[in-house]
Amino acid sequence: MMHDAPQAWPYPRPDSPPLLSPDQAEHTLDVWLVPKFSMLTLFCMLEPLRVANRFGRDLFAWRLRSADGEGVVASNGVRIEVDGPLATVPDDASLMVVSSYEAEAEVTAQDRAVLRRVAAHGGWLGGLDTAPFILARAGVLEGYRVALHWESVPAFRREFPHLRVSHERFESAIDRQTGAGGTTGIDMMLERIERDYGPALADAVGRQLVHDRHQAADGEARQARYARLPRSVLRSLAVMEANLAQAVPIPEICRLVGQSQRQLTRLFTAHFGETPKQCYLGMRLDRAQRLLAGSHCRVTEAALASGFQHPAHFSRAYRARFGESPRETAARGPG
């Protein structure tokens, strides 16, 4: 779906955008709240998505679900109203399960069938805190590394000795993600933002949340590299990555970040050997390549999702960057 150009706010947008509906956002996350879930886990998972929307167009929406469509009481006694029942999630949903105490007490066979339905249709499934128990009992974690709250690891190993339990705070695959809950949700969503839009946007969101990302050595090296970049360059990268599906004109980016186009071009050339326009084009092509290589996305869909309106222009630019046509990349696909 195409979106209008971003509203002319200073960077980042000072407003907290209203909650988006799925037809307004590029990605929608369905969240199944199991009774006695952790409120902290829920908030840590949603806040990075909300903040990401401040840096560009409307990127993320979410819908809260419960088994019966009624409100759910968290472990702290606060009742949260939801948007609908679990059974109504789309077949190809991105569905995150959030649970904590007594995770299985009210989970039914019908609930587990929903998880299997989403998995069978190629949807994305995640689980936080004790939710990996629910996913494992539904049979949708076979072949995946599993991360969950450290207190639950011994019991999980006993019940599922054939599954690989990770010592990491979270584990991610292209269609599964599990984690320990609590503040881990921030890092999980920042990784998702980085995967879909790039590291500059993810790091910008982390800074807005006053959150130090937990990264491996290569991530630490990247952070050190970013630390040396001028603030206007970092802001420009974040705006670009937040607007890959509909390119923002370079003069508008300059206005958003408070830098003249001549000065921004000089800075980009000095640090990257490319102009802002060239760098932006590369980001959009890289996104198209990730979509074609990592999913069953069609060439036309990848082009539109990366801001290309003309197939011939997209194919020429793609071949110049990757040495092959988009169709050749798509033909290899994810298997």
Protein backbone atom coordinates (compact mmCIF):
# COMPACT_ATOMS: atom_id res chain seq x y z
CA MET A 1 0.00 0.00 0.00
CA MET A 2 1.31 3.41 -0.93
CA HIS A 3 1.43 6.22 1.61
CA ASP A 4 1.54 9.97 1.34
CA ALA A 5 4.85 11.73 1.87
CA PRO A 6 5.72 12.26 5.54
CA GLN A 7 4.28 15.31 7.25
CA ALA A 8 6.69 18.21 7.52
CA TRP A 9 7.71 17.85 11.16
CA PRO A 10 11.15 18.57 12.55
CA TYR A 11 13.16 15.43 13.20
CA PRO A 12 11.94 13.35 14.90
CA ARG A 13 8.22 14.05 14.71
CA PRO A 14 7.37 15.72 18.02
CA ASP A 15 3.95 14.17 18.26
CA SER A 16 3.26 10.67 19.42
CA PRO A 17 1.33 9.42 16.38
CA PRO A 18 -2.15 8.07 17.11
CA LEU A 19 -2.57 4.33 17.13
CA LEU A 20 -2.58 3.13 13.56
CA SER A 21 -4.97 0.73 11.93
CA PRO A 22 -3.55 -2.15 9.87
CA ASP A 23 -4.52 -0.46 6.60
CA GLN A 24 -2.38 2.56 7.56
CA ALA A 25 0.81 0.73 8.51
CA GLU A 26 3.35 -1.32 6.59
CA HIS A 27 3.52 -3.98 9.32
CA THR A 28 0.89 -5.15 11.80
CA LEU A 29 1.77 -7.21 14.86
CA ASP A 30 -0.98 -9.24 16.53
CA VAL A 31 -0.29 -9.76 20.24
CA TRP A 32 -2.01 -12.57 22.15
CA LEU A 33 -2.18 -11.69 25.85
CA VAL A 34 -2.46 -14.72 28.11
CA PRO A 35 -3.97 -14.06 31.58
CA LYS A 36 -1.36 -13.00 34.18
CA PHE A 37 0.97 -11.79 31.44
CA SER A 38 3.75 -9.33 32.32
CA MET A 39 2.79 -5.71 31.71
CA LEU A 40 6.48 -4.78 31.52
CA THR A 41 7.03 -7.30 28.74
CA LEU A 42 4.11 -5.93 26.74
CA PHE A 43 5.17 -2.30 27.05
CA CYS A 44 8.82 -3.03 26.23
CA MET A 45 7.72 -4.82 23.08
CA LEU A 46 5.34 -2.11 21.83
CA GLU A 47 7.24 1.08 22.65
CA PRO A 48 10.01 0.59 20.04
CA LEU A 49 7.33 0.21 17.36
CA ARG A 50 5.57 3.38 18.50
CA VAL A 51 8.81 5.36 18.54
CA ALA A 52 9.82 4.06 15.10
CA ASN A 53 6.71 5.70 13.68
CA ARG A 54 8.07 9.08 14.79
CA PHE A 55 10.97 8.88 12.35
CA GLY A 56 9.06 8.63 9.13
CA ARG A 57 5.85 7.30 7.73
CA ASP A 58 3.47 4.97 9.51
CA LEU A 59 5.51 1.81 9.84
CA PHE A 60 3.92 -0.31 12.57
CA ALA A 61 0.47 -1.07 13.94
CA TRP A 62 -0.55 -3.63 16.51
CA ARG A 63 -3.70 -5.39 17.65
CA LEU A 64 -4.15 -6.93 21.09
CA ARG A 65 -5.87 -10.31 21.26
CA SER A 66 -7.23 -12.58 23.96
CA ALA A 67 -8.56 -16.10 23.71
CA ASP A 68 -12.19 -14.95 24.02
CA GLY A 69 -11.96 -11.33 22.88
CA GLU A 70 -12.53 -10.03 26.42
CA GLY A 71 -10.12 -7.92 28.46
CA VAL A 72 -7.15 -9.62 30.13
CA VAL A 73 -5.79 -9.04 33.64
CA ALA A 74 -2.00 -8.77 33.83
CA SER A 75 0.14 -10.13 36.65
CA ASN A 76 0.05 -6.69 38.32
CA GLY A 77 -3.75 -6.74 38.46
CA VAL A 78 -4.31 -4.20 35.68
CA ARG A 79 -6.95 -5.12 33.11
CA ILE A 80 -6.11 -4.48 29.45
CA GLU A 81 -8.85 -4.30 26.84
CA VAL A 82 -8.18 -6.04 23.54
CA ASP A 83 -9.14 -5.60 19.88
CA GLY A 84 -10.60 -9.04 19.28
CA PRO A 85 -10.39 -12.80 19.83
CA LEU A 86 -7.39 -14.90 18.95
CA ALA A 87 -9.38 -16.99 16.49
CA THR A 88 -9.77 -14.01 14.12
CA VAL A 89 -6.06 -13.44 13.45
CA PRO A 90 -5.23 -13.70 9.72
CA ASP A 91 -3.68 -16.88 8.39
CA ASP A 92 -0.45 -15.07 7.51
CA ALA A 93 -0.31 -12.99 10.69
CA SER A 94 2.70 -11.87 12.63
CA LEU A 95 1.61 -13.14 16.04
CA MET A 96 3.44 -12.62 19.32
CA VAL A 97 2.36 -14.54 22.42
CA VAL A 98 2.92 -12.81 25.76
CA SER A 99 2.51 -14.82 28.96
CA SER A 100 4.09 -15.14 32.38
CA TYR A 101 2.58 -16.95 35.37
CA GLU A 102 0.51 -20.09 34.79
CA ALA A 103 1.01 -19.84 31.05
CA GLU A 104 -0.99 -22.94 30.14
CA ALA A 105 -3.80 -22.62 32.71
CA GLU A 106 -6.34 -21.21 30.26
CA VAL A 107 -4.86 -22.19 26.89
CA THR A 108 -7.13 -24.54 24.96
CA ALA A 109 -6.68 -26.93 22.08
CA GLN A 110 -8.48 -24.39 19.89
CA ASP A 111 -5.91 -21.74 20.84
CA ARG A 112 -3.03 -24.02 19.90
CA ALA A 113 -4.79 -24.79 16.62
CA VAL A 114 -4.62 -21.08 15.77
CA LEU A 115 -0.84 -21.15 16.21
CA ARG A 116 -0.58 -24.18 13.95
CA ARG A 117 -2.79 -22.49 11.35
CA VAL A 118 -0.58 -19.40 11.27
CA ALA A 119 2.56 -21.56 11.03
CA ALA A 120 1.06 -23.64 8.21
CA HIS A 121 0.36 -20.51 6.17
CA GLY A 122 3.88 -19.14 6.56
CA GLY A 123 3.05 -16.57 9.24
CA TRP A 124 5.50 -15.23 11.81
CA LEU A 125 5.25 -16.48 15.40
CA GLY A 126 6.95 -15.21 18.55
CA GLY A 127 6.80 -15.88 22.25
CA LEU A 128 8.01 -13.93 25.29
CA ASP A 129 8.71 -14.99 28.88
CA THR A 130 6.92 -18.35 29.36
CA ALA A 131 5.13 -18.23 26.00
CA PRO A 132 7.62 -20.66 24.37
CA PHE A 133 5.86 -23.37 26.42
CA ILE A 134 2.63 -22.54 24.57
CA LEU A 135 4.35 -22.50 21.18
CA ALA A 136 6.18 -25.75 21.88
CA ARG A 137 3.00 -27.53 22.98
CA ALA A 138 1.43 -26.39 19.73
CA GLY A 139 4.31 -28.03 17.87
CA VAL A 140 5.51 -24.89 16.09
CA LEU A 141 9.06 -24.67 17.48
CA GLU A 142 10.49 -27.83 15.94
CA GLY A 143 13.93 -27.12 14.48
CA TYR A 144 14.27 -23.69 16.11
CA ARG A 145 16.51 -22.50 18.92
CA VAL A 146 14.38 -21.38 21.86
CA ALA A 147 15.00 -18.59 24.38
CA LEU A 148 12.79 -18.03 27.41
CA HIS A 149 12.89 -16.71 30.97
CA TRP A 150 15.78 -18.26 32.86
CA GLU A 151 13.55 -19.50 35.69
CA SER A 152 11.61 -21.62 33.20
CA VAL A 153 14.55 -23.27 31.46
CA PRO A 154 14.81 -26.41 33.65
CA ALA A 155 11.11 -27.22 33.30
CA PHE A 156 11.21 -26.53 29.57
CA ARG A 157 14.18 -28.86 29.10
CA ARG A 158 12.38 -31.66 30.94
CA GLU A 159 9.19 -31.30 28.90
CA PHE A 160 10.85 -30.70 25.53
CA PRO A 161 14.25 -32.47 25.59
CA HIS A 162 14.31 -32.58 21.78
CA LEU A 163 14.18 -28.78 21.41
CA ARG A 164 17.36 -26.69 21.53
CA VAL A 165 17.29 -24.25 24.44
CA SER A 166 19.44 -21.16 24.03
CA HIS A 167 21.36 -19.27 26.71
CA GLU A 168 20.79 -16.03 24.81
CA ARG A 169 18.22 -13.43 25.89
CA PHE A 170 16.35 -13.97 22.64
CA GLU A 171 16.57 -16.01 19.46
CA SER A 172 15.42 -14.94 16.01
CA ALA A 173 14.77 -16.79 12.78
CA ILE A 174 13.03 -15.52 9.67
CA ASP A 175 9.63 -16.77 10.92
CA ARG A 176 10.12 -17.34 14.66
CA GLN A 177 11.32 -15.26 17.60
CA THR A 178 11.44 -16.20 21.28
CA GLY A 179 12.80 -14.33 24.26
CA ALA A 180 13.10 -14.04 28.00
CA GLY A 181 10.50 -11.31 28.45
CA GLY A 182 10.88 -8.10 30.45
CA THR A 183 13.16 -5.55 28.83
CA THR A 184 14.30 -8.17 26.30
CA GLY A 185 11.30 -7.12 24.25
CA ILE A 186 13.02 -3.83 23.46
CA ASP A 187 16.02 -5.55 21.91
CA MET A 188 13.82 -8.03 20.06
CA MET A 189 11.82 -5.27 18.41
CA LEU A 190 14.92 -3.21 17.68
CA GLU A 191 16.33 -6.22 15.86
CA ARG A 192 13.10 -6.50 13.89
CA ILE A 193 13.28 -2.82 13.00
CA GLU A 194 16.90 -3.26 11.91
CA ARG A 195 16.01 -6.28 9.80
CA ASP A 196 13.19 -4.47 8.00
CA TYR A 197 14.61 -0.95 7.79
CA GLY A 198 18.27 -0.97 8.73
CA PRO A 199 20.58 -0.27 11.68
CA ALA A 200 20.40 3.52 11.66
CA LEU A 201 16.67 3.55 12.38
CA ALA A 202 17.02 0.85 15.03
CA ASP A 203 19.80 2.74 16.76
CA ALA A 204 17.83 5.99 16.57
CA VAL A 205 14.84 4.32 18.22
CA GLY A 206 17.11 2.89 20.92
CA ARG A 207 18.50 6.34 21.64
CA GLN A 208 14.98 7.77 21.94
CA LEU A 209 14.20 5.06 24.50
CA VAL A 210 17.49 5.79 26.33
CA HIS A 211 18.32 2.13 25.81
CA ASP A 212 21.76 0.60 25.25
CA ARG A 213 21.37 -2.22 22.78
CA HIS A 214 22.85 -5.61 23.68
CA GLN A 215 24.97 -6.43 20.65
CA ALA A 216 27.61 -8.87 19.53
CA ALA A 217 31.11 -7.78 18.62
CA ASP A 218 30.12 -6.80 15.08
CA GLY A 219 27.26 -4.73 16.47
CA GLU A 220 29.61 -3.01 18.89
CA ALA A 221 31.94 -2.19 16.01
CA ARG A 222 29.05 -0.72 14.08
CA GLN A 223 28.02 1.36 17.08
CA ALA A 224 31.58 2.67 17.36
CA ARG A 225 31.45 3.64 13.68
CA TYR A 226 28.13 5.42 14.17
CA ALA A 227 29.54 7.27 17.17
CA ARG A 228 31.97 9.00 14.84
CA LEU A 229 29.30 10.17 12.40
CA PRO A 230 27.91 13.71 12.58
CA ARG A 231 24.47 14.02 14.08
CA SER A 232 22.91 15.23 10.83
CA VAL A 233 24.21 12.15 9.01
CA LEU A 234 22.77 9.82 11.65
CA ARG A 235 19.44 11.59 11.45
CA SER A 236 19.45 11.42 7.67
CA LEU A 237 20.14 7.68 7.71
CA ALA A 238 17.29 7.12 10.15
CA VAL A 239 14.85 9.12 8.01
CA MET A 240 15.96 7.24 4.88
CA GLU A 241 15.55 3.83 6.52
CA ALA A 242 12.14 4.77 7.86
CA ASN A 243 11.03 5.70 4.33
CA LEU A 244 12.26 2.92 2.07
CA ALA A 245 8.88 2.18 0.50
CA GLN A 246 8.29 5.76 -0.63
CA ALA A 247 11.42 7.78 -1.15
CA VAL A 248 11.54 11.20 0.47
CA PRO A 249 13.22 13.86 -1.72
CA ILE A 250 16.72 14.71 -0.54
CA PRO A 251 15.85 18.42 -0.04
CA GLU A 252 13.04 17.34 2.30
CA ILE A 253 15.45 15.13 4.27
CA CYS A 254 17.81 18.08 4.57
CA ARG A 255 14.98 20.20 5.93
CA LEU A 256 13.96 17.51 8.43
CA VAL A 257 17.47 17.15 9.81
CA GLY A 258 18.33 20.85 9.72
CA GLN A 259 21.22 20.66 7.27
CA SER A 260 21.84 22.28 3.88
CA GLN A 261 21.93 19.90 0.94
CA ARG A 262 25.42 21.05 0.00
CA GLN A 263 26.76 20.37 3.50
CA LEU A 264 24.96 17.03 3.81
CA THR A 265 26.35 15.92 0.45
CA ARG A 266 29.84 16.86 1.61
CA LEU A 267 29.45 14.88 4.82
CA PHE A 268 28.05 11.78 3.10
CA THR A 269 30.78 11.84 0.51
CA ALA A 270 33.45 12.17 3.18
CA HIS A 271 32.12 9.30 5.31
CA PHE A 272 30.65 6.91 2.73
CA GLY A 273 32.09 7.92 -0.63
CA GLU A 274 28.52 8.43 -1.87
CA THR A 275 26.07 11.28 -2.11
CA PRO A 276 22.91 11.10 0.02
CA LYS A 277 20.93 10.18 -3.11
CA GLN A 278 23.28 7.32 -3.95
CA CYS A 279 23.27 6.05 -0.37
CA TYR A 280 19.47 6.19 -0.22
CA LEU A 281 19.16 4.30 -3.50
CA GLY A 282 21.49 1.62 -2.16
CA MET A 283 19.39 1.21 0.98
CA ARG A 284 16.23 0.73 -1.09
CA LEU A 285 17.90 -1.79 -3.38
CA ASP A 286 19.31 -3.68 -0.41
CA ARG A 287 15.82 -3.94 1.02
CA ALA A 288 14.50 -5.29 -2.28
CA GLN A 289 17.29 -7.87 -2.34
CA ARG A 290 16.46 -9.00 1.22
CA LEU A 291 12.80 -9.38 0.29
CA LEU A 292 13.52 -11.36 -2.87
CA ALA A 293 16.15 -13.60 -1.29
CA GLY A 294 14.42 -14.19 2.04
CA SER A 295 10.74 -14.55 1.16
CA HIS A 296 8.37 -15.55 -1.60
CA CYS A 297 7.84 -11.90 -2.52
CA ARG A 298 7.25 -11.22 -6.23
CA VAL A 299 9.51 -8.86 -8.13
CA THR A 300 6.79 -6.23 -8.53
CA GLU A 301 5.99 -6.40 -4.80
CA ALA A 302 9.67 -6.02 -3.86
CA ALA A 303 9.99 -3.05 -6.20
CA LEU A 304 6.97 -1.25 -4.72
CA ALA A 305 8.05 -2.06 -1.16
CA SER A 306 11.38 -0.42 -1.93
CA GLY A 307 9.97 2.74 -3.46
CA PHE A 308 10.30 1.94 -7.18
CA GLN A 309 7.31 2.83 -9.35
CA HIS A 310 8.85 1.88 -12.71
CA PRO A 311 9.91 -1.78 -13.21
CA ALA A 312 12.48 -0.96 -15.88
CA HIS A 313 14.25 1.57 -13.62
CA PHE A 314 14.18 -0.93 -10.75
CA SER A 315 15.65 -3.73 -12.86
CA ARG A 316 18.46 -1.55 -14.22
CA ALA A 317 19.43 -0.23 -10.79
CA TYR A 318 19.19 -3.70 -9.26
CA ARG A 319 21.42 -5.30 -11.86
CA ALA A 320 23.97 -2.50 -11.52
CA ARG A 321 24.21 -3.11 -7.76
CA PHE A 322 24.00 -6.92 -7.57
CA GLY A 323 25.14 -8.13 -10.98
CA GLU A 324 21.93 -10.04 -11.67
CA SER A 325 18.29 -9.31 -12.37
CA PRO A 326 15.64 -9.23 -9.64
CA ARG A 327 14.03 -12.31 -11.20
CA GLU A 328 17.25 -14.28 -10.84
CA THR A 329 17.38 -13.46 -7.12
CA ALA A 330 13.70 -14.30 -6.71
CA ALA A 331 14.13 -17.63 -8.49
CA ARG A 332 16.57 -18.80 -5.81
CA GLY A 333 14.28 -17.47 -3.07
CA PRO A 334 14.13 -18.98 0.41
CA GLY A 335 13.56 -22.50 -0.92
